[in-house]
Amino acid sequence: MLTHIETITIQVTMSGKTTNLRTYLKLLEWAQSCDVTSDMAFQTKYKGFWRVRGRGDDWCVPYFEFIESHKATPFTFEDILNHLFETTRKVEGSFASKLLATLYPNQPIWDEIVLRKIGISQPQKGQKDKQKQLRESLATYTKLENWYSDYMKIPNATEIINLIDEMYPFAKKMTVVKKIDWALWSMGAK
């Protein structure tokens, strides 16, 4: 089922999120123009924005190395999901999607708030069978991509995209997927 996003709800919930939106857009540009493996200011801002907490160098080093080494090399959600698992032994669907969307802003972000709003359930965290959790995570992301593909075909998507363009002229260069991501996220963000 496709979620109908009320424009009045978006106007209210997004009105206080200008700083977050500017930070997000700056991170996208910054990621392309610096060496993310050594730019600690970038890493600090990135980890703060995406709420990367409680993860040490054993997690952060391979994560930022993947971003840096794949700036000019195509990769998929599955590639980063597997890489994170191989290097950290953690199944990180949400952070895999955030990495993917940092370099490919036309890709949706796996976020608990967004998944809940559009009715997609997440795999259970901390499963003993990690291969099963990897498969379920890939299936969840595929459902998310399919939802966006379907949603972009309905008039409500155009309404929301136009509204965001009106509210935030500085964000017109944002991809349409990110505009819908942002609208959905803002409806549940604190």
N, C-alpha and C. Protein backbone atom coordinates (compact mmCIF):
# COMPACT_ATOMS: atom_id res chain seq x y z
N MET A 1 0.83 -1.18 0.00
CA MET A 1 0.00 0.00 0.00
C MET A 1 0.88 1.25 0.00
N LEU A 2 0.52 2.23 -0.80
CA LEU A 2 1.28 3.45 -0.86
C LEU A 2 0.74 4.45 0.15
N THR A 3 1.64 5.08 0.85
CA THR A 3 1.29 6.07 1.85
C THR A 3 0.94 7.37 1.17
N HIS A 4 -0.16 8.00 1.62
CA HIS A 4 -0.49 9.34 1.15
C HIS A 4 0.11 10.31 2.15
N ILE A 5 0.91 11.21 1.68
CA ILE A 5 1.56 12.19 2.56
C ILE A 5 0.79 13.50 2.44
N GLU A 6 0.24 13.94 3.55
CA GLU A 6 -0.53 15.19 3.56
C GLU A 6 0.42 16.38 3.48
N THR A 7 0.15 17.29 2.56
CA THR A 7 1.03 18.45 2.39
C THR A 7 1.02 19.34 3.63
N ILE A 8 -0.11 19.48 4.29
CA ILE A 8 -0.15 20.31 5.49
C ILE A 8 0.73 19.72 6.58
N THR A 9 0.74 18.40 6.69
CA THR A 9 1.60 17.74 7.68
C THR A 9 3.06 18.03 7.39
N ILE A 10 3.42 17.98 6.12
CA ILE A 10 4.81 18.25 5.73
C ILE A 10 5.18 19.69 6.05
N GLN A 11 4.28 20.62 5.75
CA GLN A 11 4.57 22.03 6.04
C GLN A 11 4.86 22.23 7.53
N VAL A 12 4.09 21.58 8.37
CA VAL A 12 4.26 21.74 9.81
C VAL A 12 5.52 21.02 10.29
N THR A 13 5.68 19.76 9.91
CA THR A 13 6.79 18.97 10.46
C THR A 13 8.15 19.37 9.90
N MET A 14 8.17 19.88 8.68
CA MET A 14 9.46 20.24 8.08
C MET A 14 9.88 21.66 8.40
N SER A 15 8.98 22.46 8.92
CA SER A 15 9.28 23.88 9.11
C SER A 15 10.49 24.12 10.00
N GLY A 16 10.76 23.25 10.95
CA GLY A 16 11.90 23.46 11.83
C GLY A 16 13.13 22.65 11.47
N LYS A 17 13.18 22.11 10.28
CA LYS A 17 14.26 21.20 9.92
C LYS A 17 15.24 21.77 8.90
N THR A 18 15.26 23.07 8.74
CA THR A 18 16.14 23.69 7.75
C THR A 18 17.61 23.39 8.01
N THR A 19 18.04 23.48 9.27
CA THR A 19 19.45 23.23 9.59
C THR A 19 19.83 21.80 9.24
N ASN A 20 18.96 20.83 9.58
CA ASN A 20 19.25 19.43 9.25
C ASN A 20 19.38 19.24 7.74
N LEU A 21 18.52 19.87 7.00
CA LEU A 21 18.55 19.73 5.55
C LEU A 21 19.83 20.34 4.98
N ARG A 22 20.22 21.49 5.46
CA ARG A 22 21.47 22.11 4.99
C ARG A 22 22.67 21.23 5.34
N THR A 23 22.67 20.65 6.53
CA THR A 23 23.76 19.76 6.94
C THR A 23 23.83 18.56 6.02
N TYR A 24 22.69 17.97 5.73
CA TYR A 24 22.65 16.80 4.83
C TYR A 24 23.25 17.15 3.46
N LEU A 25 22.82 18.26 2.89
CA LEU A 25 23.32 18.65 1.56
C LEU A 25 24.81 18.94 1.60
N LYS A 26 25.28 19.55 2.69
CA LYS A 26 26.72 19.82 2.84
C LYS A 26 27.51 18.50 2.91
N LEU A 27 26.99 17.53 3.63
CA LEU A 27 27.66 16.24 3.74
C LEU A 27 27.82 15.56 2.38
N LEU A 28 26.79 15.65 1.54
CA LEU A 28 26.87 15.05 0.21
C LEU A 28 28.00 15.67 -0.61
N GLU A 29 28.09 16.99 -0.58
CA GLU A 29 29.15 17.68 -1.32
C GLU A 29 30.52 17.40 -0.71
N TRP A 30 30.59 17.46 0.60
CA TRP A 30 31.84 17.27 1.33
C TRP A 30 32.42 15.88 1.08
N ALA A 31 31.56 14.87 1.07
CA ALA A 31 32.02 13.49 0.85
C ALA A 31 32.74 13.34 -0.48
N GLN A 32 32.32 14.11 -1.47
CA GLN A 32 32.93 14.03 -2.80
C GLN A 32 34.24 14.82 -2.90
N SER A 33 34.43 15.77 -2.00
CA SER A 33 35.56 16.69 -2.16
C SER A 33 36.69 16.49 -1.16
N CYS A 34 36.57 15.52 -0.27
CA CYS A 34 37.64 15.31 0.71
C CYS A 34 38.01 13.83 0.75
N ASP A 35 39.08 13.53 1.43
CA ASP A 35 39.43 12.14 1.70
C ASP A 35 38.73 11.78 3.01
N VAL A 36 37.64 11.04 2.92
CA VAL A 36 36.82 10.77 4.10
C VAL A 36 37.52 9.86 5.11
N THR A 37 38.61 9.21 4.68
CA THR A 37 39.34 8.35 5.62
C THR A 37 40.21 9.16 6.58
N SER A 38 40.58 10.37 6.19
CA SER A 38 41.47 11.18 7.02
C SER A 38 40.87 12.51 7.46
N ASP A 39 39.78 12.93 6.87
CA ASP A 39 39.16 14.21 7.25
C ASP A 39 38.29 13.99 8.49
N MET A 40 38.88 14.25 9.65
CA MET A 40 38.18 13.98 10.91
C MET A 40 36.98 14.92 11.11
N ALA A 41 37.04 16.11 10.56
CA ALA A 41 35.90 17.03 10.67
C ALA A 41 34.70 16.44 9.91
N PHE A 42 34.98 15.90 8.72
CA PHE A 42 33.90 15.24 7.97
C PHE A 42 33.35 14.06 8.76
N GLN A 43 34.23 13.20 9.26
CA GLN A 43 33.78 12.02 9.99
C GLN A 43 32.94 12.40 11.20
N THR A 44 33.37 13.42 11.91
CA THR A 44 32.62 13.86 13.09
C THR A 44 31.23 14.34 12.70
N LYS A 45 31.15 15.15 11.66
CA LYS A 45 29.86 15.68 11.20
C LYS A 45 28.98 14.55 10.67
N TYR A 46 29.56 13.64 9.91
CA TYR A 46 28.83 12.50 9.35
C TYR A 46 28.26 11.62 10.46
N LYS A 47 29.12 11.26 11.41
CA LYS A 47 28.69 10.39 12.50
C LYS A 47 27.64 11.08 13.37
N GLY A 48 27.77 12.37 13.56
CA GLY A 48 26.76 13.10 14.32
C GLY A 48 25.43 13.16 13.60
N PHE A 49 25.47 13.44 12.30
CA PHE A 49 24.24 13.55 11.53
C PHE A 49 23.50 12.22 11.46
N TRP A 50 24.24 11.14 11.18
CA TRP A 50 23.62 9.82 11.03
C TRP A 50 23.52 9.05 12.35
N ARG A 51 23.92 9.70 13.43
CA ARG A 51 23.83 9.08 14.76
C ARG A 51 24.61 7.77 14.84
N VAL A 52 25.83 7.83 14.39
CA VAL A 52 26.74 6.69 14.49
C VAL A 52 27.34 6.76 15.89
N ARG A 53 26.80 5.94 16.77
CA ARG A 53 27.24 5.98 18.17
C ARG A 53 27.76 4.62 18.60
N GLY A 54 28.70 4.66 19.52
CA GLY A 54 29.19 3.42 20.11
C GLY A 54 29.97 2.53 19.17
N ARG A 55 30.51 3.11 18.12
CA ARG A 55 31.29 2.32 17.18
C ARG A 55 32.71 2.88 17.14
N GLY A 56 33.66 1.98 17.37
CA GLY A 56 35.06 2.39 17.39
C GLY A 56 35.70 2.28 16.01
N ASP A 57 37.01 2.36 16.01
CA ASP A 57 37.77 2.30 14.75
C ASP A 57 37.55 1.00 14.01
N ASP A 58 37.29 -0.10 14.74
CA ASP A 58 37.08 -1.39 14.08
C ASP A 58 35.85 -1.35 13.16
N TRP A 59 34.95 -0.44 13.41
CA TRP A 59 33.76 -0.27 12.56
C TRP A 59 33.95 0.92 11.63
N CYS A 60 34.41 2.05 12.17
CA CYS A 60 34.50 3.29 11.39
C CYS A 60 35.55 3.24 10.28
N VAL A 61 36.69 2.64 10.55
CA VAL A 61 37.75 2.61 9.53
C VAL A 61 37.27 1.90 8.26
N PRO A 62 36.75 0.66 8.34
CA PRO A 62 36.30 0.03 7.09
C PRO A 62 35.11 0.76 6.45
N TYR A 63 34.29 1.38 7.25
CA TYR A 63 33.13 2.11 6.72
C TYR A 63 33.60 3.28 5.86
N PHE A 64 34.47 4.13 6.43
CA PHE A 64 34.94 5.30 5.67
C PHE A 64 35.90 4.91 4.55
N GLU A 65 36.65 3.83 4.73
CA GLU A 65 37.50 3.35 3.63
C GLU A 65 36.64 2.92 2.44
N PHE A 66 35.49 2.30 2.71
CA PHE A 66 34.61 1.88 1.62
C PHE A 66 34.11 3.10 0.86
N ILE A 67 33.68 4.13 1.59
CA ILE A 67 33.21 5.35 0.92
C ILE A 67 34.31 5.89 0.02
N GLU A 68 35.49 6.06 0.58
CA GLU A 68 36.58 6.67 -0.18
C GLU A 68 36.96 5.83 -1.40
N SER A 69 37.06 4.54 -1.22
CA SER A 69 37.52 3.68 -2.32
C SER A 69 36.45 3.44 -3.39
N HIS A 70 35.21 3.82 -3.11
CA HIS A 70 34.15 3.58 -4.08
C HIS A 70 33.54 4.86 -4.67
N LYS A 71 34.21 5.97 -4.51
CA LYS A 71 33.68 7.21 -5.07
C LYS A 71 33.54 7.13 -6.59
N ALA A 72 34.43 6.42 -7.22
CA ALA A 72 34.39 6.31 -8.68
C ALA A 72 34.10 4.89 -9.15
N THR A 73 33.75 4.02 -8.21
CA THR A 73 33.50 2.62 -8.54
C THR A 73 32.05 2.28 -8.18
N PRO A 74 31.27 1.85 -9.14
CA PRO A 74 29.88 1.51 -8.82
C PRO A 74 29.77 0.38 -7.80
N PHE A 75 28.79 0.48 -6.94
CA PHE A 75 28.52 -0.56 -5.97
C PHE A 75 27.04 -0.55 -5.62
N THR A 76 26.60 -1.59 -4.96
CA THR A 76 25.19 -1.75 -4.62
C THR A 76 25.00 -1.81 -3.10
N PHE A 77 23.76 -1.77 -2.70
CA PHE A 77 23.42 -1.96 -1.29
C PHE A 77 23.97 -3.29 -0.80
N GLU A 78 23.80 -4.31 -1.61
CA GLU A 78 24.29 -5.65 -1.22
C GLU A 78 25.80 -5.64 -1.02
N ASP A 79 26.53 -4.93 -1.90
CA ASP A 79 27.99 -4.86 -1.76
C ASP A 79 28.39 -4.27 -0.41
N ILE A 80 27.80 -3.15 -0.05
CA ILE A 80 28.19 -2.51 1.22
C ILE A 80 27.68 -3.31 2.41
N LEU A 81 26.50 -3.89 2.32
CA LEU A 81 25.97 -4.72 3.40
C LEU A 81 26.93 -5.88 3.68
N ASN A 82 27.37 -6.55 2.61
CA ASN A 82 28.32 -7.67 2.76
C ASN A 82 29.68 -7.20 3.26
N HIS A 83 30.14 -6.06 2.75
CA HIS A 83 31.43 -5.52 3.20
C HIS A 83 31.39 -5.22 4.70
N LEU A 84 30.34 -4.57 5.15
CA LEU A 84 30.24 -4.26 6.58
C LEU A 84 30.20 -5.54 7.41
N PHE A 85 29.48 -6.54 6.91
CA PHE A 85 29.42 -7.79 7.65
C PHE A 85 30.80 -8.47 7.70
N GLU A 86 31.46 -8.51 6.55
CA GLU A 86 32.78 -9.16 6.49
C GLU A 86 33.82 -8.46 7.37
N THR A 87 33.73 -7.14 7.46
CA THR A 87 34.76 -6.40 8.20
C THR A 87 34.39 -6.15 9.66
N THR A 88 33.10 -6.18 10.00
CA THR A 88 32.69 -5.85 11.38
C THR A 88 31.90 -6.96 12.05
N ARG A 89 31.46 -7.95 11.26
CA ARG A 89 30.60 -9.06 11.75
C ARG A 89 29.24 -8.55 12.21
N LYS A 90 28.82 -7.37 11.71
CA LYS A 90 27.51 -6.82 12.04
C LYS A 90 26.69 -6.68 10.77
N VAL A 91 25.40 -6.92 10.87
CA VAL A 91 24.48 -6.71 9.75
C VAL A 91 23.88 -5.33 9.95
N GLU A 92 24.26 -4.40 9.09
CA GLU A 92 23.94 -2.98 9.27
C GLU A 92 23.18 -2.43 8.07
N GLY A 93 21.92 -2.82 7.91
CA GLY A 93 21.13 -2.36 6.77
C GLY A 93 20.97 -0.86 6.72
N SER A 94 20.70 -0.25 7.85
CA SER A 94 20.49 1.19 7.89
C SER A 94 21.76 1.94 7.51
N PHE A 95 22.88 1.58 8.13
CA PHE A 95 24.12 2.29 7.81
C PHE A 95 24.63 1.97 6.41
N ALA A 96 24.35 0.77 5.91
CA ALA A 96 24.71 0.46 4.53
C ALA A 96 23.96 1.39 3.58
N SER A 97 22.68 1.61 3.85
CA SER A 97 21.89 2.48 2.97
C SER A 97 22.35 3.93 3.05
N LYS A 98 22.78 4.37 4.23
CA LYS A 98 23.24 5.75 4.39
C LYS A 98 24.55 5.96 3.64
N LEU A 99 25.41 4.96 3.67
CA LEU A 99 26.64 5.04 2.88
C LEU A 99 26.30 5.09 1.39
N LEU A 100 25.43 4.18 0.96
CA LEU A 100 25.03 4.15 -0.45
C LEU A 100 24.44 5.48 -0.89
N ALA A 101 23.55 6.04 -0.07
CA ALA A 101 22.88 7.30 -0.42
C ALA A 101 23.81 8.50 -0.34
N THR A 102 24.93 8.36 0.37
CA THR A 102 25.91 9.45 0.41
C THR A 102 26.56 9.61 -0.96
N LEU A 103 26.86 8.50 -1.60
CA LEU A 103 27.48 8.58 -2.93
C LEU A 103 26.47 8.51 -4.07
N TYR A 104 25.32 7.93 -3.81
CA TYR A 104 24.25 7.83 -4.80
C TYR A 104 22.95 8.38 -4.20
N PRO A 105 22.79 9.71 -4.22
CA PRO A 105 21.64 10.33 -3.55
C PRO A 105 20.27 9.96 -4.12
N ASN A 106 20.26 9.24 -5.24
CA ASN A 106 18.98 8.79 -5.79
C ASN A 106 18.54 7.47 -5.15
N GLN A 107 19.32 6.98 -4.18
CA GLN A 107 18.96 5.74 -3.49
C GLN A 107 18.26 6.07 -2.17
N PRO A 108 17.25 5.30 -1.81
CA PRO A 108 16.54 5.58 -0.56
C PRO A 108 17.36 5.21 0.67
N ILE A 109 17.02 5.85 1.76
CA ILE A 109 17.68 5.60 3.04
C ILE A 109 16.78 4.72 3.90
N TRP A 110 17.38 3.66 4.42
CA TRP A 110 16.71 2.75 5.34
C TRP A 110 16.70 3.43 6.70
N ASP A 111 15.56 3.83 7.14
CA ASP A 111 15.41 4.51 8.42
C ASP A 111 14.18 3.93 9.11
N GLU A 112 14.29 3.66 10.40
CA GLU A 112 13.16 3.08 11.14
C GLU A 112 11.90 3.91 10.98
N ILE A 113 12.04 5.23 11.06
CA ILE A 113 10.88 6.12 10.95
C ILE A 113 10.23 5.97 9.58
N VAL A 114 11.04 6.00 8.54
CA VAL A 114 10.53 5.89 7.16
C VAL A 114 9.88 4.52 6.94
N LEU A 115 10.57 3.45 7.35
CA LEU A 115 10.00 2.11 7.16
C LEU A 115 8.65 1.98 7.87
N ARG A 116 8.58 2.50 9.07
CA ARG A 116 7.32 2.43 9.82
C ARG A 116 6.20 3.20 9.09
N LYS A 117 6.53 4.39 8.57
CA LYS A 117 5.53 5.21 7.88
C LYS A 117 4.99 4.53 6.62
N ILE A 118 5.84 3.75 5.96
CA ILE A 118 5.39 3.13 4.70
C ILE A 118 5.05 1.65 4.85
N GLY A 119 5.09 1.16 6.08
CA GLY A 119 4.61 -0.20 6.36
C GLY A 119 5.55 -1.33 5.98
N ILE A 120 6.84 -1.07 6.02
CA ILE A 120 7.82 -2.13 5.74
C ILE A 120 8.47 -2.53 7.07
N SER A 121 8.43 -3.80 7.39
CA SER A 121 9.03 -4.25 8.64
C SER A 121 10.51 -4.54 8.44
N GLN A 122 11.26 -4.39 9.52
CA GLN A 122 12.69 -4.64 9.50
C GLN A 122 12.98 -6.06 9.96
N PRO A 123 14.09 -6.60 9.51
CA PRO A 123 14.51 -7.89 10.05
C PRO A 123 14.81 -7.75 11.55
N GLN A 124 14.63 -8.83 12.26
CA GLN A 124 14.97 -8.82 13.68
C GLN A 124 16.47 -8.59 13.82
N LYS A 125 16.84 -7.70 14.73
CA LYS A 125 18.26 -7.41 14.95
C LYS A 125 18.86 -8.50 15.82
N GLY A 126 20.16 -8.71 15.65
CA GLY A 126 20.90 -9.63 16.49
C GLY A 126 20.60 -11.11 16.28
N GLN A 127 20.15 -11.46 15.10
CA GLN A 127 19.86 -12.87 14.83
C GLN A 127 21.15 -13.69 14.90
N LYS A 128 21.02 -14.92 15.34
CA LYS A 128 22.20 -15.81 15.38
C LYS A 128 22.59 -16.23 13.97
N ASP A 129 21.60 -16.46 13.11
CA ASP A 129 21.85 -16.84 11.72
C ASP A 129 22.07 -15.57 10.91
N LYS A 130 23.32 -15.15 10.82
CA LYS A 130 23.66 -13.90 10.15
C LYS A 130 23.38 -13.94 8.64
N GLN A 131 23.53 -15.11 8.02
CA GLN A 131 23.23 -15.20 6.59
C GLN A 131 21.74 -14.95 6.34
N LYS A 132 20.91 -15.46 7.22
CA LYS A 132 19.47 -15.21 7.12
C LYS A 132 19.19 -13.71 7.32
N GLN A 133 19.85 -13.11 8.31
CA GLN A 133 19.65 -11.68 8.56
C GLN A 133 20.12 -10.85 7.37
N LEU A 134 21.22 -11.26 6.73
CA LEU A 134 21.69 -10.57 5.52
C LEU A 134 20.65 -10.67 4.41
N ARG A 135 20.11 -11.86 4.19
CA ARG A 135 19.08 -12.05 3.15
C ARG A 135 17.84 -11.21 3.44
N GLU A 136 17.42 -11.21 4.71
CA GLU A 136 16.24 -10.44 5.09
C GLU A 136 16.50 -8.93 4.94
N SER A 137 17.71 -8.51 5.24
CA SER A 137 18.05 -7.10 5.08
C SER A 137 18.04 -6.69 3.61
N LEU A 138 18.58 -7.54 2.77
CA LEU A 138 18.55 -7.27 1.33
C LEU A 138 17.10 -7.22 0.83
N ALA A 139 16.27 -8.13 1.29
CA ALA A 139 14.85 -8.14 0.90
C ALA A 139 14.14 -6.87 1.38
N THR A 140 14.47 -6.43 2.57
CA THR A 140 13.87 -5.19 3.11
C THR A 140 14.24 -4.01 2.24
N TYR A 141 15.51 -3.91 1.87
CA TYR A 141 15.94 -2.79 1.05
C TYR A 141 15.31 -2.85 -0.35
N THR A 142 15.16 -4.04 -0.88
CA THR A 142 14.49 -4.20 -2.18
C THR A 142 13.05 -3.72 -2.09
N LYS A 143 12.37 -4.06 -1.00
CA LYS A 143 10.99 -3.57 -0.79
C LYS A 143 10.97 -2.05 -0.72
N LEU A 144 11.96 -1.48 -0.05
CA LEU A 144 12.04 -0.03 0.06
C LEU A 144 12.24 0.61 -1.32
N GLU A 145 13.15 0.07 -2.10
CA GLU A 145 13.36 0.58 -3.46
C GLU A 145 12.09 0.47 -4.30
N ASN A 146 11.41 -0.66 -4.19
CA ASN A 146 10.17 -0.86 -4.96
C ASN A 146 9.08 0.12 -4.51
N TRP A 147 9.01 0.37 -3.21
CA TRP A 147 8.01 1.32 -2.71
C TRP A 147 8.25 2.70 -3.34
N TYR A 148 9.51 3.15 -3.34
CA TYR A 148 9.82 4.45 -3.92
C TYR A 148 9.49 4.48 -5.41
N SER A 149 9.83 3.42 -6.10
CA SER A 149 9.54 3.35 -7.53
C SER A 149 8.05 3.49 -7.80
N ASP A 150 7.24 2.80 -7.01
CA ASP A 150 5.79 2.88 -7.17
C ASP A 150 5.25 4.24 -6.74
N TYR A 151 5.75 4.75 -5.63
CA TYR A 151 5.25 6.02 -5.10
C TYR A 151 5.51 7.17 -6.06
N MET A 152 6.65 7.16 -6.72
CA MET A 152 7.00 8.25 -7.63
C MET A 152 6.03 8.37 -8.80
N LYS A 153 5.23 7.35 -9.02
CA LYS A 153 4.28 7.35 -10.14
C LYS A 153 2.94 7.98 -9.78
N ILE A 154 2.70 8.28 -8.51
CA ILE A 154 1.40 8.82 -8.12
C ILE A 154 1.47 10.34 -7.95
N PRO A 155 0.35 11.03 -8.14
CA PRO A 155 0.34 12.50 -8.05
C PRO A 155 0.82 13.04 -6.70
N ASN A 156 0.59 12.31 -5.62
CA ASN A 156 1.01 12.80 -4.31
C ASN A 156 2.51 13.02 -4.26
N ALA A 157 3.29 12.21 -4.94
CA ALA A 157 4.74 12.39 -4.96
C ALA A 157 5.11 13.74 -5.56
N THR A 158 4.48 14.09 -6.65
CA THR A 158 4.74 15.38 -7.30
C THR A 158 4.35 16.52 -6.38
N GLU A 159 3.23 16.38 -5.68
CA GLU A 159 2.80 17.42 -4.73
C GLU A 159 3.87 17.65 -3.66
N ILE A 160 4.38 16.57 -3.10
CA ILE A 160 5.36 16.68 -2.03
C ILE A 160 6.67 17.27 -2.55
N ILE A 161 7.11 16.81 -3.70
CA ILE A 161 8.34 17.33 -4.31
C ILE A 161 8.22 18.83 -4.56
N ASN A 162 7.09 19.25 -5.13
CA ASN A 162 6.86 20.68 -5.40
C ASN A 162 6.81 21.49 -4.10
N LEU A 163 6.19 20.94 -3.08
CA LEU A 163 6.10 21.63 -1.80
C LEU A 163 7.49 21.83 -1.20
N ILE A 164 8.32 20.80 -1.24
CA ILE A 164 9.68 20.92 -0.70
C ILE A 164 10.48 21.94 -1.50
N ASP A 165 10.30 21.96 -2.82
CA ASP A 165 10.98 22.96 -3.65
C ASP A 165 10.55 24.37 -3.26
N GLU A 166 9.27 24.54 -2.95
CA GLU A 166 8.78 25.86 -2.53
C GLU A 166 9.30 26.25 -1.15
N MET A 167 9.30 25.29 -0.24
CA MET A 167 9.71 25.57 1.14
C MET A 167 11.22 25.78 1.25
N TYR A 168 11.98 25.06 0.45
CA TYR A 168 13.44 25.07 0.54
C TYR A 168 14.06 25.26 -0.83
N PRO A 169 14.03 26.47 -1.37
CA PRO A 169 14.60 26.69 -2.70
C PRO A 169 16.05 26.26 -2.82
N PHE A 170 16.81 26.34 -1.72
CA PHE A 170 18.22 25.93 -1.75
C PHE A 170 18.37 24.43 -1.95
N ALA A 171 17.29 23.67 -1.80
CA ALA A 171 17.35 22.21 -1.92
C ALA A 171 16.80 21.68 -3.24
N LYS A 172 16.60 22.55 -4.20
CA LYS A 172 16.04 22.09 -5.48
C LYS A 172 16.91 21.05 -6.16
N LYS A 173 18.21 21.08 -5.88
CA LYS A 173 19.11 20.11 -6.52
C LYS A 173 19.03 18.73 -5.87
N MET A 174 18.34 18.63 -4.75
CA MET A 174 18.16 17.32 -4.11
C MET A 174 17.41 16.39 -5.05
N THR A 175 17.74 15.11 -4.99
CA THR A 175 17.02 14.16 -5.83
C THR A 175 15.58 14.02 -5.34
N VAL A 176 14.70 13.57 -6.21
CA VAL A 176 13.30 13.40 -5.81
C VAL A 176 13.16 12.33 -4.73
N VAL A 177 13.99 11.30 -4.79
CA VAL A 177 13.96 10.26 -3.75
C VAL A 177 14.30 10.88 -2.41
N LYS A 178 15.33 11.73 -2.37
CA LYS A 178 15.71 12.36 -1.10
C LYS A 178 14.61 13.30 -0.60
N LYS A 179 13.92 13.95 -1.49
CA LYS A 179 12.83 14.84 -1.05
C LYS A 179 11.72 14.03 -0.38
N ILE A 180 11.40 12.89 -0.94
CA ILE A 180 10.37 12.03 -0.32
C ILE A 180 10.91 11.42 0.96
N ASP A 181 12.16 10.97 0.94
CA ASP A 181 12.83 10.48 2.16
C ASP A 181 12.69 11.52 3.27
N TRP A 182 13.06 12.74 2.93
CA TRP A 182 13.07 13.83 3.90
C TRP A 182 11.67 14.09 4.45
N ALA A 183 10.69 14.09 3.57
CA ALA A 183 9.31 14.31 4.01
C ALA A 183 8.86 13.22 4.97
N LEU A 184 9.10 11.97 4.62
CA LEU A 184 8.70 10.86 5.48
C LEU A 184 9.43 10.89 6.81
N TRP A 185 10.73 11.14 6.76
CA TRP A 185 11.52 11.18 7.99
C TRP A 185 11.04 12.31 8.90
N SER A 186 10.79 13.48 8.31
CA SER A 186 10.41 14.63 9.13
C SER A 186 9.08 14.43 9.84
N MET A 187 8.24 13.57 9.29
CA MET A 187 6.93 13.32 9.91
C MET A 187 7.07 12.58 11.25
N GLY A 188 8.19 11.90 11.45
CA GLY A 188 8.34 11.16 12.70
C GLY A 188 9.55 11.56 13.51
N ALA A 189 10.37 12.45 12.97
CA ALA A 189 11.60 12.85 13.67
C ALA A 189 11.28 13.81 14.81
N LYS A 190 12.10 13.73 15.82
CA LYS A 190 11.94 14.63 16.97
C LYS A 190 12.81 15.83 16.81
